[in-house]
Amino acid sequence: MVKAIITIEEKTNRVLNIIKAKFGLKDKSAAINLMAEQYSEELLEPQLRPEYADKLATIEKEKGLRFKNVDELRAHIDNA
């Protein structure tokens, strides 16, 4: 475990307090850890996650529809 002294803005402090209360956490360190975990799951390196590779493979297998003009597209949408 790493200990750090950080300087945060007042708004950030309020957000940490809200997260702490919402999830019943012991301290702001736990709130920061939770935020970092959620951030990493949602935003960091999604292409490295196995579910991303599965989703990409599924998308690559799909074949698109071609339309000669907008009217054909509208007819297809209306019939769907």
C-alpha atoms as a PDB file:
ATOM      1  CA  MET A   1       0.000   0.000   0.000  1.00  0.00           C
ATOM      2  CA  VAL A   2       1.270   3.464  -0.905  1.00  0.00           C
ATOM      3  CA  LYS A   3       0.646   6.514   1.238  1.00  0.00           C
ATOM      4  CA  ALA A   4       0.426   9.951  -0.358  1.00  0.00           C
ATOM      5  CA  ILE A   5      -0.322  13.471   0.705  1.00  0.00           C
ATOM      6  CA  ILE A   6      -2.426  15.149  -1.956  1.00  0.00           C
ATOM      7  CA  THR A   7      -3.973  18.552  -2.514  1.00  0.00           C
ATOM      8  CA  ILE A   8      -7.509  18.542  -3.886  1.00  0.00           C
ATOM      9  CA  GLU A   9     -10.022  21.227  -4.714  1.00  0.00           C
ATOM     10  CA  GLU A  10     -13.060  21.864  -2.538  1.00  0.00           C
ATOM     11  CA  LYS A  11     -15.402  20.463  -5.193  1.00  0.00           C
ATOM     12  CA  THR A  12     -13.352  17.263  -5.383  1.00  0.00           C
ATOM     13  CA  ASN A  13     -13.483  16.986  -1.606  1.00  0.00           C
ATOM     14  CA  ARG A  14     -17.285  17.226  -1.708  1.00  0.00           C
ATOM     15  CA  VAL A  15     -17.467  14.563  -4.404  1.00  0.00           C
ATOM     16  CA  LEU A  16     -15.279  12.243  -2.335  1.00  0.00           C
ATOM     17  CA  ASN A  17     -17.513  12.802   0.699  1.00  0.00           C
ATOM     18  CA  ILE A  18     -20.603  11.965  -1.368  1.00  0.00           C
ATOM     19  CA  ILE A  19     -19.004   8.778  -2.718  1.00  0.00           C
ATOM     20  CA  LYS A  20     -17.881   7.841   0.770  1.00  0.00           C
ATOM     21  CA  ALA A  21     -21.404   8.262   2.162  1.00  0.00           C
ATOM     22  CA  LYS A  22     -23.176   6.641  -0.801  1.00  0.00           C
ATOM     23  CA  PHE A  23     -21.115   3.456  -0.667  1.00  0.00           C
ATOM     24  CA  GLY A  24     -20.620   3.372   3.122  1.00  0.00           C
ATOM     25  CA  LEU A  25     -16.848   3.631   2.899  1.00  0.00           C
ATOM     26  CA  LYS A  26     -14.571   4.192   5.901  1.00  0.00           C
ATOM     27  CA  ASP A  27     -12.517   7.059   4.540  1.00  0.00           C
ATOM     28  CA  LYS A  28     -11.655   9.157   1.499  1.00  0.00           C
ATOM     29  CA  SER A  29      -8.864   6.754   0.573  1.00  0.00           C
ATOM     30  CA  ALA A  30     -11.472   4.064   0.004  1.00  0.00           C
ATOM     31  CA  ALA A  31     -13.499   6.529  -2.088  1.00  0.00           C
ATOM     32  CA  ILE A  32     -10.457   7.316  -4.231  1.00  0.00           C
ATOM     33  CA  ASN A  33      -9.735   3.588  -4.652  1.00  0.00           C
ATOM     34  CA  LEU A  34     -13.345   2.986  -5.737  1.00  0.00           C
ATOM     35  CA  MET A  35     -13.183   5.854  -8.238  1.00  0.00           C
ATOM     36  CA  ALA A  36      -9.911   4.570  -9.674  1.00  0.00           C
ATOM     37  CA  GLU A  37     -11.286   1.039  -9.997  1.00  0.00           C
ATOM     38  CA  GLN A  38     -14.428   2.216 -11.799  1.00  0.00           C
ATOM     39  CA  TYR A  39     -12.414   4.544 -14.025  1.00  0.00           C
ATOM     40  CA  SER A  40     -10.055   1.763 -15.039  1.00  0.00           C
ATOM     41  CA  GLU A  41     -12.938  -0.592 -15.824  1.00  0.00           C
ATOM     42  CA  GLU A  42     -14.776   1.950 -17.957  1.00  0.00           C
ATOM     43  CA  LEU A  43     -12.126   4.025 -19.679  1.00  0.00           C
ATOM     44  CA  LEU A  44      -8.663   2.533 -19.624  1.00  0.00           C
ATOM     45  CA  GLU A  45      -7.514   0.155 -22.318  1.00  0.00           C
ATOM     46  CA  PRO A  46     -10.896  -1.342 -23.261  1.00  0.00           C
ATOM     47  CA  GLN A  47      -9.267  -3.160 -26.183  1.00  0.00           C
ATOM     48  CA  LEU A  48      -7.292  -5.278 -23.723  1.00  0.00           C
ATOM     49  CA  ARG A  49     -10.355  -6.658 -21.939  1.00  0.00           C
ATOM     50  CA  PRO A  50     -11.592 -10.079 -23.138  1.00  0.00           C
ATOM     51  CA  GLU A  51     -15.204  -8.915 -23.451  1.00  0.00           C
ATOM     52  CA  TYR A  52     -14.055  -6.146 -25.795  1.00  0.00           C
ATOM     53  CA  ALA A  53     -12.329  -8.669 -28.056  1.00  0.00           C
ATOM     54  CA  ASP A  54     -15.496 -10.804 -28.120  1.00  0.00           C
ATOM     55  CA  LYS A  55     -17.642  -7.797 -28.971  1.00  0.00           C
ATOM     56  CA  LEU A  56     -15.243  -6.732 -31.712  1.00  0.00           C
ATOM     57  CA  ALA A  57     -15.260 -10.224 -33.235  1.00  0.00           C
ATOM     58  CA  THR A  58     -19.068 -10.197 -33.276  1.00  0.00           C
ATOM     59  CA  ILE A  59     -19.167  -6.800 -34.977  1.00  0.00           C
ATOM     60  CA  GLU A  60     -16.620  -7.874 -37.591  1.00  0.00           C
ATOM     61  CA  LYS A  61     -18.799 -10.889 -38.514  1.00  0.00           C
ATOM     62  CA  GLU A  62     -21.840  -8.712 -39.174  1.00  0.00           C
ATOM     63  CA  LYS A  63     -22.595  -7.711 -42.733  1.00  0.00           C
ATOM     64  CA  GLY A  64     -24.081  -4.339 -43.505  1.00  0.00           C
ATOM     65  CA  LEU A  65     -26.926  -3.533 -45.847  1.00  0.00           C
ATOM     66  CA  ARG A  66     -26.362  -1.407 -48.913  1.00  0.00           C
ATOM     67  CA  PHE A  67     -28.914   1.055 -50.221  1.00  0.00           C
ATOM     68  CA  LYS A  68     -28.920   2.810 -53.577  1.00  0.00           C
ATOM     69  CA  ASN A  69     -30.517   5.927 -52.162  1.00  0.00           C
ATOM     70  CA  VAL A  70     -32.195   7.412 -49.114  1.00  0.00           C
ATOM     71  CA  ASP A  71     -35.628   6.282 -50.268  1.00  0.00           C
ATOM     72  CA  GLU A  72     -34.547   2.624 -50.115  1.00  0.00           C
ATOM     73  CA  LEU A  73     -33.192   3.194 -46.621  1.00  0.00           C
ATOM     74  CA  ARG A  74     -36.445   4.819 -45.498  1.00  0.00           C
ATOM     75  CA  ALA A  75     -38.479   1.956 -46.987  1.00  0.00           C
ATOM     76  CA  HIS A  76     -36.288  -0.556 -45.146  1.00  0.00           C
ATOM     77  CA  ILE A  77     -36.704   1.329 -41.848  1.00  0.00           C
ATOM     78  CA  ASP A  78     -40.486   1.619 -42.298  1.00  0.00           C
ATOM     79  CA  ASN A  79     -40.803  -2.122 -42.976  1.00  0.00           C
ATOM     80  CA  ALA A  80     -38.705  -3.113 -39.973  1.00  0.00           C
END
